[in-house]
Amino acid sequence: MNRQQKEATVQSLKEQFSQSHAAFVVGYSGLSVAQMQDLRTQLRKDGGTLKIAKARLFKRAVGDLGDDSALTPYLKQQIGVVFASHEAPAVAKILSSFSKNNAALQLVVGKLDGSVLNQQGIVRIATLPSKDVLRAQLCGTLQAPITRLVFGLNMQIMQLLLVLKQVAEKKK
């Protein structure tokens, strides 16, 4: 790699760090080419991309960015960075399940919304439901009091009707 290619790679990495919602640093030492292709295919389905470069290039890319510089101590040895463009929990779920099935993939550290996550934090994010499920749960929670109020009012009307029906039957 000549100097211009390295500068282009660093610039590309800077853009991806700044545009992605989350970034996960993974160790890939020991993975076969087929396993790497399988991982990349799974990540692409949920808006994730795996980038492999020298740790020094990652350090240069992260060094100029403000809040991403917390990742610098973890950028060593054979590492790759997975960028999540949309659904960070979905990408974390793929990484977590892939690392369980392939011991060679190691979750090192992650960054989500300005906070640095350790391996347990990444696994915890992987257990979160998707945005659609969370939105449905929120709607259900917001709708529950109104639904109970309507049910209670309907029961009052039903009780009134039953009393009126019993009074009408007694008068006959």
Protein backbone atom coordinates (compact mmCIF):
# COMPACT_ATOMS: atom_id res chain seq x y z
CA MET A 1 0.00 0.00 0.00
CA ASN A 2 1.46 3.35 -0.96
CA ARG A 3 0.93 6.61 0.89
CA GLN A 4 -2.01 7.79 -1.26
CA GLN A 5 -3.87 4.53 -0.74
CA LYS A 6 -3.30 4.76 2.99
CA GLU A 7 -4.60 8.34 3.07
CA ALA A 8 -7.66 7.31 1.08
CA THR A 9 -8.28 4.42 3.47
CA VAL A 10 -7.97 6.70 6.51
CA GLN A 11 -10.35 9.23 4.95
CA SER A 12 -12.86 6.49 4.17
CA LEU A 13 -12.66 5.17 7.74
CA LYS A 14 -13.16 8.70 9.14
CA GLU A 15 -16.31 9.08 7.08
CA GLN A 16 -17.66 5.73 8.21
CA PHE A 17 -16.95 6.48 11.87
CA SER A 18 -18.74 9.81 11.62
CA GLN A 19 -21.73 8.50 9.62
CA SER A 20 -22.42 5.25 11.47
CA HIS A 21 -24.72 4.94 14.46
CA ALA A 22 -22.49 2.38 16.12
CA ALA A 23 -19.07 0.83 15.67
CA PHE A 24 -17.91 -2.50 17.07
CA VAL A 25 -14.25 -3.51 17.24
CA VAL A 26 -13.79 -7.25 16.72
CA GLY A 27 -10.79 -9.54 16.70
CA TYR A 28 -10.84 -11.84 13.72
CA SER A 29 -7.59 -13.76 14.13
CA GLY A 30 -8.18 -17.40 13.23
CA LEU A 31 -11.27 -16.99 11.05
CA SER A 32 -11.19 -18.63 7.66
CA VAL A 33 -12.03 -16.78 4.45
CA ALA A 34 -15.36 -18.62 4.21
CA GLN A 35 -16.27 -17.62 7.76
CA MET A 36 -15.38 -13.97 7.03
CA GLN A 37 -17.53 -14.01 3.90
CA ASP A 38 -20.40 -15.56 5.87
CA LEU A 39 -20.08 -12.86 8.55
CA ARG A 40 -20.00 -10.07 5.97
CA THR A 41 -23.08 -11.49 4.23
CA GLN A 42 -25.01 -11.64 7.49
CA LEU A 43 -23.96 -8.10 8.41
CA ARG A 44 -24.95 -6.66 5.02
CA LYS A 45 -28.51 -7.95 5.47
CA ASP A 46 -28.97 -5.70 8.53
CA GLY A 47 -27.04 -2.64 7.37
CA GLY A 48 -23.65 -3.52 8.84
CA THR A 49 -20.27 -3.46 7.15
CA LEU A 50 -17.02 -5.05 8.28
CA LYS A 51 -13.86 -3.12 7.48
CA ILE A 52 -10.41 -4.64 7.84
CA ALA A 53 -7.30 -2.47 7.87
CA LYS A 54 -4.09 -2.11 9.79
CA ALA A 55 -4.56 -1.04 13.40
CA ARG A 56 -2.35 1.98 12.76
CA LEU A 57 -4.72 3.21 10.03
CA PHE A 58 -7.69 2.79 12.36
CA LYS A 59 -5.82 4.79 15.03
CA ARG A 60 -5.17 7.61 12.56
CA ALA A 61 -8.79 7.67 11.48
CA VAL A 62 -10.07 7.70 15.06
CA GLY A 63 -7.45 10.15 16.32
CA ASP A 64 -8.94 13.10 14.45
CA LEU A 65 -12.49 12.41 15.57
CA GLY A 66 -13.58 13.76 18.93
CA ASP A 67 -15.64 11.21 20.83
CA ASP A 68 -14.40 8.18 18.90
CA SER A 69 -10.89 8.57 20.32
CA ALA A 70 -11.97 6.46 23.32
CA LEU A 71 -11.59 3.44 21.03
CA THR A 72 -7.88 4.10 20.46
CA PRO A 73 -6.54 1.84 23.28
CA TYR A 74 -8.42 -1.13 21.80
CA LEU A 75 -7.08 -0.72 18.28
CA LYS A 76 -4.24 -3.23 18.31
CA GLN A 77 -3.39 -6.65 16.85
CA GLN A 78 -5.63 -8.11 14.14
CA ILE A 79 -8.85 -6.15 14.45
CA GLY A 80 -11.70 -5.17 12.25
CA VAL A 81 -14.43 -2.62 12.78
CA VAL A 82 -18.08 -3.33 12.12
CA PHE A 83 -20.09 -0.21 11.32
CA ALA A 84 -23.85 -0.23 11.92
CA SER A 85 -25.61 2.24 9.68
CA HIS A 86 -29.16 1.76 11.02
CA GLU A 87 -30.01 -0.98 13.50
CA ALA A 88 -27.20 -1.29 16.04
CA PRO A 89 -28.99 -4.01 18.09
CA ALA A 90 -29.46 -6.15 14.98
CA VAL A 91 -25.76 -5.87 14.08
CA ALA A 92 -24.76 -6.58 17.71
CA LYS A 93 -27.03 -9.62 17.67
CA ILE A 94 -25.30 -10.96 14.55
CA LEU A 95 -21.86 -10.38 16.08
CA SER A 96 -22.87 -11.97 19.37
CA SER A 97 -24.34 -15.10 17.79
CA PHE A 98 -21.45 -15.41 15.31
CA SER A 99 -18.90 -15.16 18.13
CA LYS A 100 -20.74 -17.90 20.06
CA ASN A 101 -20.60 -20.20 17.03
CA ASN A 102 -17.04 -19.23 16.03
CA ALA A 103 -14.67 -18.82 18.95
CA ALA A 104 -12.12 -17.11 16.71
CA LEU A 105 -14.28 -13.96 16.48
CA GLN A 106 -13.79 -11.88 19.61
CA LEU A 107 -15.94 -8.93 20.61
CA VAL A 108 -13.45 -6.35 21.84
CA VAL A 109 -15.33 -3.09 22.35
CA GLY A 110 -18.16 -1.09 20.86
CA LYS A 111 -19.29 2.51 20.60
CA LEU A 112 -22.95 3.45 20.54
CA ASP A 113 -24.29 7.00 20.85
CA GLY A 114 -21.06 8.33 22.32
CA SER A 115 -20.65 5.65 24.98
CA VAL A 116 -18.04 2.91 24.93
CA LEU A 117 -19.35 -0.61 25.50
CA ASN A 118 -17.37 -3.58 26.71
CA GLN A 119 -18.08 -7.15 25.60
CA GLN A 120 -20.96 -7.57 28.08
CA GLY A 121 -22.48 -4.30 26.90
CA ILE A 122 -22.45 -5.51 23.31
CA VAL A 123 -24.15 -8.76 24.34
CA ARG A 124 -26.73 -6.78 26.33
CA ILE A 125 -27.50 -4.61 23.30
CA ALA A 126 -27.82 -7.77 21.22
CA THR A 127 -30.67 -8.90 23.46
CA LEU A 128 -32.67 -5.72 22.85
CA PRO A 129 -35.68 -6.07 20.58
CA SER A 130 -35.84 -4.20 17.29
CA LYS A 131 -37.18 -0.66 16.99
CA ASP A 132 -40.51 -1.88 15.62
CA VAL A 133 -41.05 -4.17 18.62
CA LEU A 134 -40.10 -1.38 21.04
CA ARG A 135 -42.50 1.00 19.32
CA ALA A 136 -45.30 -1.57 19.53
CA GLN A 137 -44.60 -2.07 23.23
CA LEU A 138 -44.66 1.68 23.80
CA CYS A 139 -47.97 2.03 21.95
CA GLY A 140 -49.43 -0.81 23.98
CA THR A 141 -48.26 0.79 27.21
CA LEU A 142 -49.69 4.16 26.25
CA GLN A 143 -52.94 2.61 25.07
CA ALA A 144 -53.51 0.42 28.15
CA PRO A 145 -55.05 3.07 30.47
CA ILE A 146 -57.43 4.26 27.78
CA THR A 147 -58.45 0.70 26.97
CA ARG A 148 -59.14 -0.02 30.65
CA LEU A 149 -61.20 3.18 30.92
CA VAL A 150 -63.30 2.22 27.91
CA PHE A 151 -63.75 -1.30 29.29
CA GLY A 152 -64.80 0.11 32.67
CA LEU A 153 -67.33 2.48 31.09
CA ASN A 154 -68.74 -0.34 28.98
CA MET A 155 -69.13 -2.48 32.09
CA GLN A 156 -71.07 0.31 33.80
CA ILE A 157 -73.41 0.56 30.82
CA MET A 158 -73.84 -3.23 30.77
CA GLN A 159 -74.64 -3.27 34.49
CA LEU A 160 -77.20 -0.49 34.01
CA LEU A 161 -78.82 -2.45 31.17
CA LEU A 162 -78.95 -5.61 33.31
CA VAL A 163 -80.60 -3.71 36.18
CA LEU A 164 -83.14 -2.15 33.81
CA LYS A 165 -83.88 -5.56 32.31
CA GLN A 166 -84.42 -7.08 35.77
CA VAL A 167 -86.73 -4.20 36.74
CA ALA A 168 -88.71 -4.67 33.52
CA GLU A 169 -89.05 -8.42 34.21
CA LYS A 170 -90.31 -7.76 37.76
CA LYS A 171 -92.99 -5.38 36.50
CA LYS A 172 -94.43 -8.01 34.15
